[in-house]
Amino acid sequence: MAKCAACTTLVTKKKPGLQCSKCKKWLHGTCAAISTDQLNALFLTESVEWMCKACTGKARPARLSCILPDAEEDDGVTDTEDASADKMTKVSLTNIKREIQLTIRDEVKREIQAVFREEMQRTMQYLSDKIDDYEKCQKESKERISNLEKNVHNLTNTCVHLQKYNGALEQKIMDMEQSTRKLNLEIVGIEVLPDENPKIIIEKLGDLMKVSSKEIESATRGAPRSNAKPAPITVKFSSSGAAARDAWLKQRRAARAVTSDMLTGGSQTSAVYVNEDLIPETRELFWRTRAELRDVCKYIWLSDGKVLVKQTDGAKASRIKCVNDIGDIKKVIVNK
């Protein structure tokens, strides 16, 4: 087994050496002042002769030769050294593995953080843009709602004004239509007979009521009614007969003592009534006023085509122009 001539330790695979081609002595590469790279180069070069410094002196040999001992020449010391080297190698590999793992983990962590940060920034920017859009839409909606509320308010005021104006126009039209009947009277309760003469019948009624019939221009029976009651007779006075008409109205209570058979000679004995000649709207208004205010107003009557009510004897009379006035008066009376 070869030993190093310089350090007297064995030449092994772990500590390779060279054999001088002249003196045949073995020297470790380190003992011969040959670096590991140089030693590897000598091992890889074929047919190279090498001589130690003792054999060559100061002159550098032209050719070098090196050999390695065989594997079977290693002894127990070599195995121990091999185990120690393996252990150191394993420790180095473990440290390298740990460093690689830490490096990979840190790199992956940095990449994940970068991706997460980028995604968060993108998400936050998206949400921020959405919030801006929502705020813009909300602002526009508020402005639109405010404008709509103003328009609704204006339209409401306009509707109220138009309703009042329309009510005033309707009342004016009703007054004008009613004024066309200011010289008329309506006689109710007289039996209808064939070939009757309404004017003669009315003149008889005037005689019984002790009022003049000279200013009467005409007396006309109305269209037949759907019920069994006889149609009224409309009496028209002349343009100068306003006083005569008023006299008939003042004596209307006297007409209640007159029955139909007293005027026509017929079989019916119904009472006769003298009323103002009303347009349908005024007639309906008077009927509803009586139906709704009879329990709260002591007096409900007609005067010149106007519906009037009075709660008590000393109270002031109020005119009912439309159906809404009925509700208003009822509220005032109830809240007293």
Protein backbone atom coordinates (compact mmCIF):
# COMPACT_ATOMS: atom_id res chain seq x y z
CA MET A 1 0.00 0.00 0.00
CA ALA A 2 1.50 3.39 -1.11
CA LYS A 3 2.43 6.04 1.40
CA CYS A 4 3.27 9.67 0.80
CA ALA A 5 7.03 10.19 0.96
CA ALA A 6 6.50 13.64 2.44
CA CYS A 7 3.79 13.10 5.14
CA THR A 8 4.02 9.27 5.41
CA THR A 9 0.20 8.91 5.24
CA LEU A 10 -1.54 6.63 2.84
CA VAL A 11 -2.42 7.76 -0.64
CA THR A 12 -6.16 7.09 -1.14
CA LYS A 13 -9.05 8.18 -3.35
CA LYS A 14 -9.92 10.88 -0.84
CA LYS A 15 -6.29 12.03 -0.81
CA PRO A 16 -4.98 11.17 -4.26
CA GLY A 17 -1.32 11.39 -5.11
CA LEU A 18 1.31 11.06 -7.84
CA GLN A 19 4.21 8.55 -8.29
CA CYS A 20 7.52 9.88 -9.45
CA SER A 21 8.53 8.09 -12.65
CA LYS A 22 12.21 8.16 -11.61
CA CYS A 23 12.43 7.40 -7.87
CA LYS A 24 9.05 5.67 -7.75
CA LYS A 25 8.02 7.56 -4.59
CA TRP A 26 4.40 8.59 -3.92
CA LEU A 27 3.43 12.11 -2.96
CA HIS A 28 0.03 13.63 -2.20
CA GLY A 29 -1.03 16.37 -4.60
CA THR A 30 -0.99 18.85 -1.72
CA CYS A 31 2.45 17.67 -0.61
CA ALA A 32 3.73 18.07 -4.16
CA ALA A 33 2.28 21.62 -4.32
CA ILE A 34 -0.15 20.66 -7.05
CA SER A 35 -3.66 22.16 -6.95
CA THR A 36 -6.78 20.08 -7.31
CA ASP A 37 -7.48 21.45 -10.80
CA GLN A 38 -3.91 20.65 -11.89
CA LEU A 39 -4.17 17.19 -10.38
CA ASN A 40 -7.45 16.53 -12.18
CA ALA A 41 -5.86 17.69 -15.43
CA LEU A 42 -2.99 15.23 -14.94
CA PHE A 43 -5.43 12.40 -14.23
CA LEU A 44 -7.33 13.12 -17.43
CA THR A 45 -4.16 13.32 -19.59
CA GLU A 46 -2.84 10.00 -20.95
CA SER A 47 0.89 9.04 -21.20
CA VAL A 48 2.11 11.80 -18.95
CA GLU A 49 5.29 11.20 -16.86
CA TRP A 50 5.82 13.09 -13.62
CA MET A 51 8.93 13.44 -11.45
CA CYS A 52 9.21 14.91 -7.98
CA LYS A 53 11.34 17.97 -7.25
CA ALA A 54 14.07 15.84 -5.69
CA CYS A 55 14.58 14.05 -8.98
CA THR A 56 14.19 17.02 -11.25
CA GLY A 57 15.84 19.67 -9.13
CA LYS A 58 14.89 23.12 -10.20
CA ALA A 59 14.31 22.20 -13.80
CA ARG A 60 10.68 21.76 -14.87
CA PRO A 61 10.11 18.39 -16.53
CA ALA A 62 8.94 18.33 -20.03
CA ARG A 63 6.62 15.40 -19.44
CA LEU A 64 4.69 14.42 -16.28
CA SER A 65 3.02 11.20 -15.36
CA CYS A 66 0.51 10.57 -12.59
CA ILE A 67 -1.36 7.58 -11.35
CA LEU A 68 -4.01 6.87 -8.77
CA PRO A 69 -3.99 3.93 -6.45
CA ASP A 70 -6.65 1.27 -6.95
CA ALA A 71 -9.90 1.29 -4.93
CA GLU A 72 -8.93 -1.93 -3.11
CA GLU A 73 -5.83 -0.27 -1.70
CA ASP A 74 -7.99 1.91 0.71
CA ASP A 75 -7.91 0.87 4.35
CA GLY A 76 -10.11 1.42 7.44
CA VAL A 77 -8.83 4.94 7.86
CA THR A 78 -10.11 5.72 4.42
CA ASP A 79 -13.61 4.49 5.33
CA THR A 80 -13.70 6.74 8.39
CA GLU A 81 -12.58 9.67 6.35
CA ASP A 82 -15.16 8.76 3.72
CA ALA A 83 -17.93 8.64 6.36
CA SER A 84 -16.85 11.98 7.77
CA ALA A 85 -16.78 13.48 4.32
CA ASP A 86 -20.20 12.00 3.54
CA LYS A 87 -21.57 13.46 6.76
CA MET A 88 -20.16 16.87 5.94
CA THR A 89 -21.54 16.58 2.44
CA LYS A 90 -25.00 15.69 3.80
CA VAL A 91 -24.88 18.63 6.18
CA SER A 92 -23.87 20.91 3.34
CA LEU A 93 -26.63 19.53 1.14
CA THR A 94 -29.16 19.97 3.95
CA ASN A 95 -28.07 23.55 4.43
CA ILE A 96 -28.20 24.16 0.70
CA LYS A 97 -31.64 22.54 0.53
CA ARG A 98 -32.85 24.69 3.41
CA GLU A 99 -31.45 27.81 1.81
CA ILE A 100 -33.06 26.86 -1.50
CA GLN A 101 -36.39 26.21 0.22
CA LEU A 102 -36.20 29.51 2.07
CA THR A 103 -35.24 31.29 -1.11
CA ILE A 104 -38.09 29.66 -3.05
CA ARG A 105 -40.55 30.35 -0.22
CA ASP A 106 -39.50 33.99 -0.01
CA GLU A 107 -39.67 34.35 -3.76
CA VAL A 108 -43.10 32.68 -3.96
CA LYS A 109 -44.26 34.80 -1.04
CA ARG A 110 -43.07 37.95 -2.77
CA GLU A 111 -44.77 36.93 -6.00
CA ILE A 112 -48.02 36.07 -4.17
CA GLN A 113 -47.88 39.36 -2.30
CA ALA A 114 -47.24 41.20 -5.54
CA VAL A 115 -50.15 39.43 -7.27
CA PHE A 116 -52.40 39.95 -4.25
CA ARG A 117 -51.41 43.61 -4.02
CA GLU A 118 -52.02 44.10 -7.72
CA GLU A 119 -55.37 42.29 -7.54
CA MET A 120 -56.38 44.28 -4.46
CA GLN A 121 -55.44 47.53 -6.19
CA ARG A 122 -57.43 46.49 -9.25
CA THR A 123 -60.41 45.50 -7.07
CA MET A 124 -60.23 48.69 -5.03
CA GLN A 125 -60.04 50.75 -8.19
CA TYR A 126 -63.04 48.88 -9.61
CA LEU A 127 -65.03 49.41 -6.42
CA SER A 128 -63.98 53.04 -6.29
CA ASP A 129 -65.16 53.54 -9.87
CA LYS A 130 -68.44 51.80 -9.05
CA ILE A 131 -68.95 53.97 -5.98
CA ASP A 132 -68.30 57.06 -8.08
CA ASP A 133 -70.84 55.82 -10.63
CA TYR A 134 -73.39 55.11 -7.89
CA GLU A 135 -72.84 58.53 -6.33
CA LYS A 136 -73.23 60.14 -9.73
CA CYS A 137 -76.42 58.17 -10.42
CA GLN A 138 -77.73 58.97 -6.95
CA LYS A 139 -77.03 62.65 -7.44
CA GLU A 140 -78.74 62.60 -10.83
CA SER A 141 -81.67 60.68 -9.33
CA LYS A 142 -82.01 63.21 -6.51
CA GLU A 143 -81.97 66.07 -8.99
CA ARG A 144 -84.51 64.26 -11.18
CA ILE A 145 -86.73 63.53 -8.17
CA SER A 146 -86.44 67.13 -7.02
CA ASN A 147 -87.44 68.37 -10.47
CA LEU A 148 -90.31 65.89 -10.61
CA GLU A 149 -91.50 67.00 -7.17
CA LYS A 150 -91.43 70.60 -8.33
CA ASN A 151 -93.33 69.66 -11.47
CA VAL A 152 -95.87 67.69 -9.44
CA HIS A 153 -96.25 70.62 -7.06
CA ASN A 154 -96.75 73.00 -9.95
CA LEU A 155 -99.18 70.64 -11.64
CA THR A 156 -101.06 70.21 -8.38
CA ASN A 157 -101.36 73.96 -7.99
CA THR A 158 -102.43 74.22 -11.60
CA CYS A 159 -105.02 71.48 -11.11
CA VAL A 160 -106.36 73.18 -7.99
CA HIS A 161 -106.54 76.47 -9.85
CA LEU A 162 -108.22 74.82 -12.84
CA GLN A 163 -110.66 73.01 -10.58
CA LYS A 164 -111.60 76.26 -8.90
CA TYR A 165 -111.78 78.02 -12.25
CA ASN A 166 -113.80 75.16 -13.74
CA GLY A 167 -116.08 75.18 -10.72
CA ALA A 168 -116.58 78.91 -11.13
CA LEU A 169 -117.35 78.46 -14.83
CA GLU A 170 -119.79 75.65 -14.09
CA GLN A 171 -121.47 77.78 -11.46
CA LYS A 172 -121.64 80.69 -13.88
CA ILE A 173 -123.17 78.48 -16.57
CA MET A 174 -125.65 77.07 -14.06
CA ASP A 175 -126.60 80.58 -12.96
CA MET A 176 -127.04 81.63 -16.59
CA GLU A 177 -129.18 78.59 -17.37
CA GLN A 178 -131.18 79.10 -14.22
CA SER A 179 -131.68 82.78 -15.05
CA THR A 180 -133.43 81.74 -18.26
CA ARG A 181 -136.13 80.22 -16.05
CA LYS A 182 -136.49 83.13 -13.65
CA LEU A 183 -139.98 83.90 -15.04
CA ASN A 184 -141.11 80.27 -14.87
CA LEU A 185 -142.90 78.18 -12.26
CA GLU A 186 -143.35 74.43 -11.98
CA ILE A 187 -146.73 73.04 -10.87
CA VAL A 188 -146.55 69.47 -9.54
CA GLY A 189 -149.30 66.99 -8.63
CA ILE A 190 -151.98 67.71 -11.29
CA GLU A 191 -153.48 64.61 -12.90
CA VAL A 192 -152.99 64.11 -16.63
CA LEU A 193 -156.27 63.84 -18.58
CA PRO A 194 -156.90 63.41 -22.32
CA ASP A 195 -157.42 66.61 -24.29
CA GLU A 196 -156.50 68.76 -21.30
CA ASN A 197 -155.74 72.47 -21.56
CA PRO A 198 -152.87 73.17 -19.13
CA LYS A 199 -153.34 76.95 -19.29
CA ILE A 200 -157.00 76.75 -18.25
CA ILE A 201 -156.04 74.40 -15.40
CA ILE A 202 -153.39 76.87 -14.18
CA GLU A 203 -155.84 79.77 -14.35
CA LYS A 204 -158.23 77.78 -12.14
CA LEU A 205 -155.35 77.22 -9.72
CA GLY A 206 -154.65 80.97 -9.68
CA ASP A 207 -158.25 81.70 -8.85
CA LEU A 208 -158.15 79.23 -5.95
CA MET A 209 -154.85 80.74 -4.73
CA LYS A 210 -156.27 84.26 -5.23
CA VAL A 211 -153.41 85.40 -7.49
CA SER A 212 -153.54 86.98 -10.95
CA SER A 213 -153.05 84.85 -14.06
CA LYS A 214 -153.04 87.75 -16.56
CA GLU A 215 -149.21 87.73 -16.98
CA ILE A 216 -149.06 84.02 -17.83
CA GLU A 217 -147.89 83.52 -21.41
CA SER A 218 -148.05 79.73 -21.57
CA ALA A 219 -148.52 76.56 -19.58
CA THR A 220 -146.97 73.36 -20.93
CA ARG A 221 -147.19 69.79 -19.67
CA GLY A 222 -143.77 68.12 -19.42
CA ALA A 223 -142.77 64.79 -20.93
CA PRO A 224 -144.30 61.71 -19.29
CA ARG A 225 -142.28 60.31 -16.41
CA SER A 226 -141.18 56.73 -16.06
CA ASN A 227 -142.93 56.44 -12.70
CA ALA A 228 -146.64 56.70 -12.04
CA LYS A 229 -146.49 60.35 -11.01
CA PRO A 230 -147.94 62.89 -13.46
CA ALA A 231 -145.53 65.13 -15.33
CA PRO A 232 -145.30 68.71 -14.00
CA ILE A 233 -146.74 71.73 -15.80
CA THR A 234 -144.29 74.54 -16.60
CA VAL A 235 -145.84 78.00 -16.34
CA LYS A 236 -144.12 80.84 -18.19
CA PHE A 237 -144.84 84.48 -17.30
CA SER A 238 -144.31 87.47 -19.56
CA SER A 239 -141.23 89.66 -19.31
CA SER A 240 -143.23 92.14 -17.24
CA GLY A 241 -144.70 89.40 -15.08
CA ALA A 242 -141.86 89.01 -12.55
CA ALA A 243 -144.02 90.51 -9.79
CA ALA A 244 -146.92 88.21 -10.67
CA ARG A 245 -144.60 85.20 -10.54
CA ASP A 246 -143.28 86.26 -7.14
CA ALA A 247 -146.86 86.60 -5.92
CA TRP A 248 -147.57 83.03 -6.96
CA LEU A 249 -144.49 81.87 -4.97
CA LYS A 250 -145.59 83.81 -1.90
CA GLN A 251 -148.98 82.10 -2.06
CA ARG A 252 -147.53 78.64 -2.62
CA ARG A 253 -148.75 77.49 0.80
CA ALA A 254 -152.31 78.20 -0.33
CA ALA A 255 -151.83 75.75 -3.21
CA ARG A 256 -151.36 72.90 -0.76
CA ALA A 257 -155.05 73.13 0.11
CA VAL A 258 -155.88 72.52 -3.56
CA THR A 259 -156.09 68.95 -4.83
CA SER A 260 -155.84 67.66 -8.39
CA ASP A 261 -159.53 66.74 -8.72
CA MET A 262 -160.49 70.32 -7.86
CA LEU A 263 -158.69 71.47 -11.03
CA THR A 264 -159.29 68.62 -13.47
CA GLY A 265 -162.43 66.92 -12.24
CA GLY A 266 -160.50 63.67 -12.34
CA SER A 267 -160.21 60.89 -9.83
CA GLN A 268 -156.85 61.79 -8.23
CA THR A 269 -156.87 63.79 -5.02
CA SER A 270 -153.13 64.42 -4.74
CA ALA A 271 -151.93 67.74 -3.35
CA VAL A 272 -150.73 70.45 -5.73
CA TYR A 273 -147.34 72.16 -5.24
CA VAL A 274 -146.01 75.39 -6.72
CA ASN A 275 -142.20 75.37 -7.11
CA GLU A 276 -139.48 77.28 -8.89
CA ASP A 277 -138.58 75.91 -12.30
CA LEU A 278 -135.10 74.43 -11.70
CA ILE A 279 -132.48 73.14 -14.09
CA PRO A 280 -131.50 69.46 -13.49
CA GLU A 281 -128.20 70.37 -11.80
CA THR A 282 -129.85 72.70 -9.29
CA ARG A 283 -132.60 70.17 -8.65
CA GLU A 284 -130.02 67.44 -7.91
CA LEU A 285 -128.01 69.79 -5.68
CA PHE A 286 -131.12 70.74 -3.71
CA TRP A 287 -132.05 67.07 -3.26
CA ARG A 288 -128.57 66.13 -1.99
CA THR A 289 -128.45 69.13 0.31
CA ARG A 290 -131.71 68.12 1.94
CA ALA A 291 -130.57 64.50 2.25
CA GLU A 292 -127.22 65.31 3.91
CA LEU A 293 -127.93 68.44 5.96
CA ARG A 294 -131.47 67.90 7.19
CA ASP A 295 -130.11 66.65 10.55
CA VAL A 296 -127.76 69.61 11.12
CA CYS A 297 -129.58 72.51 9.44
CA LYS A 298 -133.00 73.69 10.53
CA TYR A 299 -133.82 75.47 7.26
CA ILE A 300 -133.10 74.34 3.68
CA TRP A 301 -134.87 76.21 0.89
CA LEU A 302 -134.69 77.67 -2.62
CA SER A 303 -134.71 81.34 -3.58
CA ASP A 304 -134.36 82.55 -7.19
CA GLY A 305 -132.80 79.23 -8.20
CA LYS A 306 -130.28 79.29 -5.32
CA VAL A 307 -129.98 76.57 -2.65
CA LEU A 308 -129.78 78.14 0.81
CA VAL A 309 -129.33 76.63 4.29
CA LYS A 310 -129.43 77.99 7.82
CA GLN A 311 -128.50 76.05 10.91
CA THR A 312 -130.66 77.92 13.44
CA ASP A 313 -133.09 80.81 13.55
CA GLY A 314 -130.47 83.41 14.35
CA ALA A 315 -127.76 81.99 12.08
CA LYS A 316 -126.67 83.51 8.79
CA ALA A 317 -127.92 81.83 5.62
CA SER A 318 -125.30 80.07 3.47
CA ARG A 319 -125.54 79.29 -0.22
CA ILE A 320 -124.76 75.81 -1.52
CA LYS A 321 -123.13 76.24 -4.93
CA CYS A 322 -121.77 72.73 -5.42
CA VAL A 323 -121.58 69.33 -3.75
CA ASN A 324 -118.28 70.20 -2.04
CA ASP A 325 -120.02 73.02 -0.18
CA ILE A 326 -122.26 70.44 1.50
CA GLY A 327 -119.26 68.65 3.02
CA ASP A 328 -117.59 71.92 4.04
CA ILE A 329 -120.67 73.17 5.86
CA LYS A 330 -121.10 69.81 7.57
CA LYS A 331 -117.48 69.92 8.83
CA VAL A 332 -117.89 73.46 10.15
CA ILE A 333 -121.06 72.55 12.02
CA VAL A 334 -119.65 69.30 13.45
CA ASN A 335 -116.41 70.97 14.63
CA LYS A 336 -118.19 73.73 16.51
